[in-house]
Amino acid sequence: MDREGVTQRVLDALGIILVDKSHIRDNATFAEMLLDDDDVQRLLERLEETFGCQFPQRVRESARKRPDRVSVPVIVDLIMLMGRDLPGRRLRR
């Protein structure tokens, strides 16, 4: 899957979680989107299920503790890195 497809799926997942869609933008940080801890947890779980990956614990902690440093592009980059064609690793379509 290409970067645009991954970005769209991340934005779609955010649209399901956030009631106020006006905060969703391509470069928005988790703080700007007003994601609380439960929202972050649900988002990461949904993305793991969607892409067949697992976010490292330090990413989960950073997303909760420093939401001003985690953005849509950061999450997309992580998903793209985790889905590289390494043995047994491939992004689900």
C-alpha atoms as a PDB file:
ATOM      1  CA  MET A   1       0.000   0.000   0.000  1.00  0.00           C
ATOM      2  CA  ASP A   2       1.302   3.448  -0.841  1.00  0.00           C
ATOM      3  CA  ARG A   3       1.679   6.397   1.538  1.00  0.00           C
ATOM      4  CA  GLU A   4      -1.491   8.113   0.317  1.00  0.00           C
ATOM      5  CA  GLY A   5      -3.529   4.988   0.987  1.00  0.00           C
ATOM      6  CA  VAL A   6      -2.079   4.642   4.486  1.00  0.00           C
ATOM      7  CA  THR A   7      -2.735   8.325   5.223  1.00  0.00           C
ATOM      8  CA  GLN A   8      -6.339   8.009   4.080  1.00  0.00           C
ATOM      9  CA  ARG A   9      -6.915   4.989   6.314  1.00  0.00           C
ATOM     10  CA  VAL A  10      -5.423   6.832   9.308  1.00  0.00           C
ATOM     11  CA  LEU A  11      -7.696   9.813   8.632  1.00  0.00           C
ATOM     12  CA  ASP A  12     -10.688   7.468   8.228  1.00  0.00           C
ATOM     13  CA  ALA A  13      -9.913   5.862  11.605  1.00  0.00           C
ATOM     14  CA  LEU A  14      -9.698   9.307  13.199  1.00  0.00           C
ATOM     15  CA  GLY A  15     -13.060  10.207  11.659  1.00  0.00           C
ATOM     16  CA  ILE A  16     -14.663   7.249  13.415  1.00  0.00           C
ATOM     17  CA  ILE A  17     -13.180   8.198  16.795  1.00  0.00           C
ATOM     18  CA  LEU A  18     -13.554  11.985  16.796  1.00  0.00           C
ATOM     19  CA  VAL A  19     -16.966  13.585  17.046  1.00  0.00           C
ATOM     20  CA  ASP A  20     -15.655  16.996  15.950  1.00  0.00           C
ATOM     21  CA  LYS A  21     -14.204  16.314  12.492  1.00  0.00           C
ATOM     22  CA  SER A  22     -12.987  19.916  12.070  1.00  0.00           C
ATOM     23  CA  HIS A  23      -9.765  19.083  13.967  1.00  0.00           C
ATOM     24  CA  ILE A  24      -8.738  16.342  11.514  1.00  0.00           C
ATOM     25  CA  ARG A  25      -6.031  17.543   9.137  1.00  0.00           C
ATOM     26  CA  ASP A  26      -3.148  15.792   7.409  1.00  0.00           C
ATOM     27  CA  ASN A  27      -0.484  17.409   9.610  1.00  0.00           C
ATOM     28  CA  ALA A  28      -2.433  17.756  12.850  1.00  0.00           C
ATOM     29  CA  THR A  29      -0.866  16.601  16.099  1.00  0.00           C
ATOM     30  CA  PHE A  30      -2.780  14.467  18.559  1.00  0.00           C
ATOM     31  CA  ALA A  31      -2.929  17.525  20.856  1.00  0.00           C
ATOM     32  CA  GLU A  32      -4.467  19.672  18.095  1.00  0.00           C
ATOM     33  CA  MET A  33      -7.071  16.978  17.442  1.00  0.00           C
ATOM     34  CA  LEU A  34      -7.892  16.938  21.176  1.00  0.00           C
ATOM     35  CA  LEU A  35      -7.380  13.168  21.465  1.00  0.00           C
ATOM     36  CA  ASP A  36      -7.618  11.927  25.038  1.00  0.00           C
ATOM     37  CA  ASP A  37      -5.918   8.749  26.312  1.00  0.00           C
ATOM     38  CA  ASP A  38      -8.902   6.566  25.409  1.00  0.00           C
ATOM     39  CA  ASP A  39      -9.039   8.043  21.899  1.00  0.00           C
ATOM     40  CA  VAL A  40      -5.324   7.376  21.389  1.00  0.00           C
ATOM     41  CA  GLN A  41      -5.712   3.795  22.605  1.00  0.00           C
ATOM     42  CA  ARG A  42      -8.684   3.160  20.311  1.00  0.00           C
ATOM     43  CA  LEU A  43      -6.932   4.753  17.339  1.00  0.00           C
ATOM     44  CA  LEU A  44      -3.756   2.723  17.729  1.00  0.00           C
ATOM     45  CA  GLU A  45      -5.716  -0.503  18.228  1.00  0.00           C
ATOM     46  CA  ARG A  46      -7.814   0.197  15.125  1.00  0.00           C
ATOM     47  CA  LEU A  47      -4.708   0.938  13.065  1.00  0.00           C
ATOM     48  CA  GLU A  48      -2.966  -2.202  14.309  1.00  0.00           C
ATOM     49  CA  GLU A  49      -5.977  -4.233  13.251  1.00  0.00           C
ATOM     50  CA  THR A  50      -6.239  -2.457   9.902  1.00  0.00           C
ATOM     51  CA  PHE A  51      -2.574  -2.774   8.976  1.00  0.00           C
ATOM     52  CA  GLY A  52      -1.583  -5.969  10.778  1.00  0.00           C
ATOM     53  CA  CYS A  53       1.159  -4.249  12.764  1.00  0.00           C
ATOM     54  CA  GLN A  54       1.884  -3.477  16.405  1.00  0.00           C
ATOM     55  CA  PHE A  55       3.062  -0.110  17.662  1.00  0.00           C
ATOM     56  CA  PRO A  56       6.004  -0.261  20.084  1.00  0.00           C
ATOM     57  CA  GLN A  57       5.212   0.559  23.714  1.00  0.00           C
ATOM     58  CA  ARG A  58       7.354   3.707  23.574  1.00  0.00           C
ATOM     59  CA  VAL A  59       5.197   5.017  20.705  1.00  0.00           C
ATOM     60  CA  ARG A  60       2.036   4.352  22.741  1.00  0.00           C
ATOM     61  CA  GLU A  61       3.517   6.163  25.746  1.00  0.00           C
ATOM     62  CA  SER A  62       4.695   9.097  23.641  1.00  0.00           C
ATOM     63  CA  ALA A  63       1.268   9.429  22.018  1.00  0.00           C
ATOM     64  CA  ARG A  64      -0.329   9.661  25.464  1.00  0.00           C
ATOM     65  CA  LYS A  65       2.274  11.728  27.298  1.00  0.00           C
ATOM     66  CA  ARG A  66       3.430  14.040  24.471  1.00  0.00           C
ATOM     67  CA  PRO A  67       0.486  14.368  22.072  1.00  0.00           C
ATOM     68  CA  ASP A  68       1.971  17.617  20.790  1.00  0.00           C
ATOM     69  CA  ARG A  69       4.815  15.586  19.227  1.00  0.00           C
ATOM     70  CA  VAL A  70       2.732  12.871  17.571  1.00  0.00           C
ATOM     71  CA  SER A  71       0.988  13.712  14.316  1.00  0.00           C
ATOM     72  CA  VAL A  72      -0.723  12.004  11.418  1.00  0.00           C
ATOM     73  CA  PRO A  73       2.525  12.021   9.346  1.00  0.00           C
ATOM     74  CA  VAL A  74       4.455  10.477  12.266  1.00  0.00           C
ATOM     75  CA  ILE A  75       1.915   7.650  12.557  1.00  0.00           C
ATOM     76  CA  VAL A  76       1.904   7.144   8.780  1.00  0.00           C
ATOM     77  CA  ASP A  77       5.733   6.995   8.777  1.00  0.00           C
ATOM     78  CA  LEU A  78       5.668   4.366  11.517  1.00  0.00           C
ATOM     79  CA  ILE A  79       3.094   2.275   9.687  1.00  0.00           C
ATOM     80  CA  MET A  80       5.111   2.512   6.470  1.00  0.00           C
ATOM     81  CA  LEU A  81       8.297   1.455   8.286  1.00  0.00           C
ATOM     82  CA  MET A  82       6.578  -1.465  10.011  1.00  0.00           C
ATOM     83  CA  GLY A  83       5.115  -2.597   6.701  1.00  0.00           C
ATOM     84  CA  ARG A  84       8.323  -2.669   4.710  1.00  0.00           C
ATOM     85  CA  ASP A  85       8.931  -5.886   2.854  1.00  0.00           C
ATOM     86  CA  LEU A  86      10.880  -7.614   5.582  1.00  0.00           C
ATOM     87  CA  PRO A  87      10.390 -11.346   6.036  1.00  0.00           C
ATOM     88  CA  GLY A  88       6.814 -11.877   7.188  1.00  0.00           C
ATOM     89  CA  ARG A  89       5.973  -8.156   7.175  1.00  0.00           C
ATOM     90  CA  ARG A  90       3.603  -6.595   4.685  1.00  0.00           C
ATOM     91  CA  LEU A  91       0.860  -3.996   5.046  1.00  0.00           C
ATOM     92  CA  ARG A  92      -2.634  -5.331   4.693  1.00  0.00           C
ATOM     93  CA  ARG A  93      -4.613  -3.768   1.906  1.00  0.00           C
END
